[in-house]
């Protein structure tokens, strides 16, 4: 259900930071973003999918 959104977010991260994000399929609506072992975003904690630009901003990107 969230794969298209996750793939789009991965493409944004790749474009902004020139790194290849790893998408790991989960179950039960789990969606987390981690960087260097640090949890950046958790759908389980927030109850929502990240807003456009939210992850890039949390990672220190320039796009808002």
PDB file of N, CA and C in Angstrom:
ATOM      1  N   UNK A   1       0.825  -1.200   0.000  1.00  0.00           N
ATOM      2  CA  UNK A   1       0.000   0.000   0.000  1.00  0.00           C
ATOM      3  C   UNK A   1       0.873   1.270   0.000  1.00  0.00           C
ATOM      4  N   UNK A   2       1.956   1.243   0.751  1.00  0.00           N
ATOM      5  CA  UNK A   2       2.821   2.430   0.842  1.00  0.00           C
ATOM      6  C   UNK A   2       4.064   2.334  -0.038  1.00  0.00           C
ATOM      7  N   UNK A   3       4.194   1.252  -0.799  1.00  0.00           N
ATOM      8  CA  UNK A   3       5.397   1.072  -1.617  1.00  0.00           C
ATOM      9  C   UNK A   3       5.635   2.219  -2.596  1.00  0.00           C
ATOM     10  N   UNK A   4       4.612   2.702  -3.313  1.00  0.00           N
ATOM     11  CA  UNK A   4       4.881   3.840  -4.220  1.00  0.00           C
ATOM     12  C   UNK A   4       5.399   5.076  -3.476  1.00  0.00           C
ATOM     13  N   UNK A   5       4.836   5.374  -2.296  1.00  0.00           N
ATOM     14  CA  UNK A   5       5.307   6.523  -1.511  1.00  0.00           C
ATOM     15  C   UNK A   5       6.737   6.296  -1.033  1.00  0.00           C
ATOM     16  N   UNK A   6       7.021   5.077  -0.581  1.00  0.00           N
ATOM     17  CA  UNK A   6       8.358   4.759  -0.094  1.00  0.00           C
ATOM     18  C   UNK A   6       9.381   4.841  -1.224  1.00  0.00           C
ATOM     19  N   UNK A   7       9.018   4.336  -2.398  1.00  0.00           N
ATOM     20  CA  UNK A   7       9.928   4.381  -3.549  1.00  0.00           C
ATOM     21  C   UNK A   7      10.186   5.823  -3.976  1.00  0.00           C
ATOM     22  N   UNK A   8       9.161   6.651  -3.929  1.00  0.00           N
ATOM     23  CA  UNK A   8       9.314   8.063  -4.273  1.00  0.00           C
ATOM     24  C   UNK A   8      10.235   8.760  -3.269  1.00  0.00           C
ATOM     25  N   UNK A   9      10.045   8.468  -1.995  1.00  0.00           N
ATOM     26  CA  UNK A   9      10.897   9.043  -0.957  1.00  0.00           C
ATOM     27  C   UNK A   9      12.341   8.583  -1.135  1.00  0.00           C
ATOM     28  N   UNK A  10      12.536   7.309  -1.455  1.00  0.00           N
ATOM     29  CA  UNK A  10      13.891   6.793  -1.687  1.00  0.00           C
ATOM     30  C   UNK A  10      14.557   7.524  -2.849  1.00  0.00           C
ATOM     31  N   UNK A  11      13.792   7.802  -3.902  1.00  0.00           N
ATOM     32  CA  UNK A  11      14.329   8.529  -5.059  1.00  0.00           C
ATOM     33  C   UNK A  11      14.728   9.958  -4.667  1.00  0.00           C
ATOM     34  N   UNK A  12      13.920  10.610  -3.825  1.00  0.00           N
ATOM     35  CA  UNK A  12      14.250  11.961  -3.361  1.00  0.00           C
ATOM     36  C   UNK A  12      15.541  11.944  -2.544  1.00  0.00           C
ATOM     37  N   UNK A  13      15.668  10.956  -1.669  1.00  0.00           N
ATOM     38  CA  UNK A  13      16.874  10.851  -0.839  1.00  0.00           C
ATOM     39  C   UNK A  13      18.099  10.614  -1.717  1.00  0.00           C
ATOM     40  N   UNK A  14      17.965   9.740  -2.703  1.00  0.00           N
ATOM     41  CA  UNK A  14      19.080   9.458  -3.607  1.00  0.00           C
ATOM     42  C   UNK A  14      19.498  10.719  -4.354  1.00  0.00           C
ATOM     43  N   UNK A  15      18.525  11.466  -4.843  1.00  0.00           N
ATOM     44  CA  UNK A  15      18.804  12.695  -5.594  1.00  0.00           C
ATOM     45  C   UNK A  15      19.468  13.749  -4.698  1.00  0.00           C
ATOM     46  N   UNK A  16      18.967  13.915  -3.487  1.00  0.00           N
ATOM     47  CA  UNK A  16      19.461  14.953  -2.584  1.00  0.00           C
ATOM     48  C   UNK A  16      20.838  14.627  -2.005  1.00  0.00           C
ATOM     49  N   UNK A  17      21.050  13.365  -1.635  1.00  0.00           N
ATOM     50  CA  UNK A  17      22.261  13.011  -0.903  1.00  0.00           C
ATOM     51  C   UNK A  17      23.222  12.103  -1.675  1.00  0.00           C
ATOM     52  N   UNK A  18      22.831  11.711  -2.883  1.00  0.00           N
ATOM     53  CA  UNK A  18      23.647  10.832  -3.713  1.00  0.00           C
ATOM     54  C   UNK A  18      24.010   9.525  -2.996  1.00  0.00           C
ATOM     55  N   UNK A  19      23.027   8.948  -2.314  1.00  0.00           N
ATOM     56  CA  UNK A  19      23.165   7.642  -1.664  1.00  0.00           C
ATOM     57  C   UNK A  19      21.999   6.770  -2.133  1.00  0.00           C
ATOM     58  N   UNK A  20      22.183   5.468  -2.071  1.00  0.00           N
ATOM     59  CA  UNK A  20      21.119   4.552  -2.469  1.00  0.00           C
ATOM     60  C   UNK A  20      20.418   4.031  -1.215  1.00  0.00           C
ATOM     61  N   UNK A  21      19.215   4.544  -0.922  1.00  0.00           N
ATOM     62  CA  UNK A  21      18.470   4.042   0.230  1.00  0.00           C
ATOM     63  C   UNK A  21      18.082   2.580   0.034  1.00  0.00           C
ATOM     64  N   UNK A  22      17.958   1.867   1.125  1.00  0.00           N
ATOM     65  CA  UNK A  22      17.554   0.470   1.092  1.00  0.00           C
ATOM     66  C   UNK A  22      16.113   0.376   1.573  1.00  0.00           C
ATOM     67  N   UNK A  23      15.228  -0.130   0.710  1.00  0.00           N
ATOM     68  CA  UNK A  23      13.841  -0.361   1.100  1.00  0.00           C
ATOM     69  C   UNK A  23      13.735  -1.796   1.599  1.00  0.00           C
ATOM     70  N   UNK A  24      13.252  -1.946   2.813  1.00  0.00           N
ATOM     71  CA  UNK A  24      13.071  -3.267   3.403  1.00  0.00           C
ATOM     72  C   UNK A  24      11.587  -3.448   3.663  1.00  0.00           C
ATOM     73  N   UNK A  25      11.020  -4.425   2.986  1.00  0.00           N
ATOM     74  CA  UNK A  25       9.586  -4.653   3.105  1.00  0.00           C
ATOM     75  C   UNK A  25       9.243  -5.173   4.495  1.00  0.00           C
ATOM     76  N   UNK A  26       8.220  -4.585   5.074  1.00  0.00           N
ATOM     77  CA  UNK A  26       7.738  -5.010   6.381  1.00  0.00           C
ATOM     78  C   UNK A  26       6.296  -5.469   6.270  1.00  0.00           C
ATOM     79  N   UNK A  27       5.638  -5.541   7.390  1.00  0.00           N
ATOM     80  CA  UNK A  27       4.222  -5.913   7.386  1.00  0.00           C
ATOM     81  C   UNK A  27       3.510  -5.112   8.461  1.00  0.00           C
ATOM     82  N   UNK A  28       2.214  -5.098   8.387  1.00  0.00           N
ATOM     83  CA  UNK A  28       1.428  -4.418   9.404  1.00  0.00           C
ATOM     84  C   UNK A  28       1.502  -2.907   9.342  1.00  0.00           C
ATOM     85  N   UNK A  29       1.825  -2.337   8.188  1.00  0.00           N
ATOM     86  CA  UNK A  29       1.845  -0.884   8.057  1.00  0.00           C
ATOM     87  C   UNK A  29       3.075  -0.220   8.644  1.00  0.00           C
ATOM     88  N   UNK A  30       4.122  -0.981   8.909  1.00  0.00           N
ATOM     89  CA  UNK A  30       5.344  -0.420   9.467  1.00  0.00           C
ATOM     90  C   UNK A  30       6.036   0.430   8.407  1.00  0.00           C
ATOM     91  N   UNK A  31       6.433   1.635   8.782  1.00  0.00           N
ATOM     92  CA  UNK A  31       7.223   2.484   7.901  1.00  0.00           C
ATOM     93  C   UNK A  31       8.167   3.275   8.787  1.00  0.00           C
ATOM     94  N   UNK A  32       9.454   3.004   8.657  1.00  0.00           N
ATOM     95  CA  UNK A  32      10.465   3.704   9.428  1.00  0.00           C
ATOM     96  C   UNK A  32      11.575   4.174   8.506  1.00  0.00           C
ATOM     97  N   UNK A  33      12.175   5.289   8.874  1.00  0.00           N
ATOM     98  CA  UNK A  33      13.343   5.796   8.157  1.00  0.00           C
ATOM     99  C   UNK A  33      14.463   5.885   9.184  1.00  0.00           C
ATOM    100  N   UNK A  34      15.574   5.225   8.875  1.00  0.00           N
ATOM    101  CA  UNK A  34      16.740   5.249   9.749  1.00  0.00           C
ATOM    102  C   UNK A  34      17.941   5.738   8.954  1.00  0.00           C
ATOM    103  N   UNK A  35      18.837   6.432   9.628  1.00  0.00           N
ATOM    104  CA  UNK A  35      20.088   6.887   9.020  1.00  0.00           C
ATOM    105  C   UNK A  35      21.197   6.697  10.040  1.00  0.00           C
ATOM    106  N   UNK A  36      22.234   5.992   9.644  1.00  0.00           N
ATOM    107  CA  UNK A  36      23.362   5.721  10.538  1.00  0.00           C
ATOM    108  C   UNK A  36      22.902   5.105  11.860  1.00  0.00           C
ATOM    109  N   UNK A  37      21.903   4.210  11.777  1.00  0.00           N
ATOM    110  CA  UNK A  37      21.398   3.526  12.958  1.00  0.00           C
ATOM    111  C   UNK A  37      20.449   4.343  13.810  1.00  0.00           C
ATOM    112  N   UNK A  38      20.192   5.576  13.414  1.00  0.00           N
ATOM    113  CA  UNK A  38      19.323   6.488  14.174  1.00  0.00           C
ATOM    114  C   UNK A  38      17.936   6.527  13.545  1.00  0.00           C
ATOM    115  N   UNK A  39      16.887   6.387  14.345  1.00  0.00           N
ATOM    116  CA  UNK A  39      15.520   6.455  13.853  1.00  0.00           C
ATOM    117  C   UNK A  39      15.165   7.907  13.542  1.00  0.00           C
ATOM    118  N   UNK A  40      14.853   8.175  12.271  1.00  0.00           N
ATOM    119  CA  UNK A  40      14.511   9.522  11.812  1.00  0.00           C
ATOM    120  C   UNK A  40      13.000   9.728  11.832  1.00  0.00           C
ATOM    121  N   UNK A  41      12.267   8.689  11.454  1.00  0.00           N
ATOM    122  CA  UNK A  41      10.812   8.781  11.390  1.00  0.00           C
ATOM    123  C   UNK A  41      10.220   7.403  11.623  1.00  0.00           C
ATOM    124  N   UNK A  42       9.116   7.357  12.355  1.00  0.00           N
ATOM    125  CA  UNK A  42       8.400   6.107  12.592  1.00  0.00           C
ATOM    126  C   UNK A  42       6.903   6.343  12.428  1.00  0.00           C
ATOM    127  N   UNK A  43       6.297   5.641  11.478  1.00  0.00           N
ATOM    128  CA  UNK A  43       4.848   5.724  11.291  1.00  0.00           C
ATOM    129  C   UNK A  43       4.137   5.169  12.519  1.00  0.00           C
ATOM    130  N   UNK A  44       4.719   4.157  13.169  1.00  0.00           N
ATOM    131  CA  UNK A  44       4.117   3.578  14.373  1.00  0.00           C
ATOM    132  C   UNK A  44       4.032   4.617  15.494  1.00  0.00           C
ATOM    133  N   UNK A  45       5.043   5.476  15.598  1.00  0.00           N
ATOM    134  CA  UNK A  45       5.047   6.504  16.647  1.00  0.00           C
ATOM    135  C   UNK A  45       4.148   7.690  16.313  1.00  0.00           C
ATOM    136  N   UNK A  46       4.103   8.075  15.027  1.00  0.00           N
ATOM    137  CA  UNK A  46       3.353   9.272  14.643  1.00  0.00           C
ATOM    138  C   UNK A  46       1.932   8.968  14.171  1.00  0.00           C
ATOM    139  N   UNK A  47       1.705   7.726  13.721  1.00  0.00           N
ATOM    140  CA  UNK A  47       0.383   7.360  13.213  1.00  0.00           C
ATOM    141  C   UNK A  47       0.107   7.884  11.817  1.00  0.00           C
ATOM    142  N   UNK A  48       1.162   8.295  11.112  1.00  0.00           N
ATOM    143  CA  UNK A  48       0.973   8.872   9.773  1.00  0.00           C
ATOM    144  C   UNK A  48       2.215   8.633   8.928  1.00  0.00           C
ATOM    145  N   UNK A  49       2.058   8.827   7.621  1.00  0.00           N
ATOM    146  CA  UNK A  49       3.175   8.787   6.693  1.00  0.00           C
ATOM    147  C   UNK A  49       3.810  10.180   6.697  1.00  0.00           C
ATOM    148  N   UNK A  50       5.115  10.306   6.466  1.00  0.00           N
ATOM    149  CA  UNK A  50       5.745  11.632   6.511  1.00  0.00           C
ATOM    150  C   UNK A  50       5.211  12.575   5.429  1.00  0.00           C
ATOM    151  N   UNK A  51       5.185  13.836   5.779  1.00  0.00           N
ATOM    152  CA  UNK A  51       4.772  14.884   4.844  1.00  0.00           C
ATOM    153  C   UNK A  51       5.878  15.103   3.811  1.00  0.00           C
ATOM    154  N   UNK A  52       5.538  15.650   2.635  1.00  0.00           N
ATOM    155  CA  UNK A  52       6.571  15.940   1.631  1.00  0.00           C
ATOM    156  C   UNK A  52       7.664  16.836   2.217  1.00  0.00           C
ATOM    157  N   UNK A  53       8.899  16.452   2.016  1.00  0.00           N
ATOM    158  CA  UNK A  53      10.038  17.230   2.487  1.00  0.00           C
ATOM    159  C   UNK A  53      10.425  16.990   3.935  1.00  0.00           C
ATOM    160  N   UNK A  54       9.573  16.329   4.703  1.00  0.00           N
ATOM    161  CA  UNK A  54       9.832  16.131   6.134  1.00  0.00           C
ATOM    162  C   UNK A  54      11.094  15.288   6.381  1.00  0.00           C
ATOM    163  N   UNK A  55      11.262  14.218   5.637  1.00  0.00           N
ATOM    164  CA  UNK A  55      12.413  13.345   5.827  1.00  0.00           C
ATOM    165  C   UNK A  55      13.687  14.031   5.349  1.00  0.00           C
ATOM    166  N   UNK A  56      13.625  14.675   4.194  1.00  0.00           N
ATOM    167  CA  UNK A  56      14.814  15.380   3.687  1.00  0.00           C
ATOM    168  C   UNK A  56      15.262  16.451   4.690  1.00  0.00           C
ATOM    169  N   UNK A  57      14.314  17.154   5.262  1.00  0.00           N
ATOM    170  CA  UNK A  57      14.634  18.178   6.251  1.00  0.00           C
ATOM    171  C   UNK A  57      15.276  17.546   7.495  1.00  0.00           C
ATOM    172  N   UNK A  58      14.723  16.434   7.960  1.00  0.00           N
ATOM    173  CA  UNK A  58      15.274  15.753   9.147  1.00  0.00           C
ATOM    174  C   UNK A  58      16.679  15.226   8.883  1.00  0.00           C
ATOM    175  N   UNK A  59      16.962  14.889   7.632  1.00  0.00           N
ATOM    176  CA  UNK A  59      18.283  14.385   7.257  1.00  0.00           C
ATOM    177  C   UNK A  59      19.268  15.507   6.939  1.00  0.00           C
ATOM    178  N   UNK A  60      18.804  16.756   6.971  1.00  0.00           N
ATOM    179  CA  UNK A  60      19.681  17.886   6.707  1.00  0.00           C
ATOM    180  C   UNK A  60      19.752  18.287   5.255  1.00  0.00           C
ATOM    181  N   UNK A  61      18.749  17.893   4.488  1.00  0.00           N
ATOM    182  CA  UNK A  61      18.715  18.247   3.065  1.00  0.00           C
ATOM    183  C   UNK A  61      18.310  19.685   2.849  1.00  0.00           C
ATOM    184  N   UNK A  62      18.442  20.127   1.606  1.00  0.00           N
ATOM    185  CA  UNK A  62      18.115  21.507   1.269  1.00  0.00           C
ATOM    186  C   UNK A  62      16.697  21.683   0.752  1.00  0.00           C
ATOM    187  N   UNK A  63      16.084  20.591   0.299  1.00  0.00           N
ATOM    188  CA  UNK A  63      14.724  20.701  -0.252  1.00  0.00           C
ATOM    189  C   UNK A  63      13.722  20.691   0.887  1.00  0.00           C
ATOM    190  N   UNK A  64      12.763  21.578   0.804  1.00  0.00           N
ATOM    191  CA  UNK A  64      11.712  21.667   1.834  1.00  0.00           C
ATOM    192  C   UNK A  64      10.374  21.429   1.198  1.00  0.00           C
TER     193      UNK A  64
END
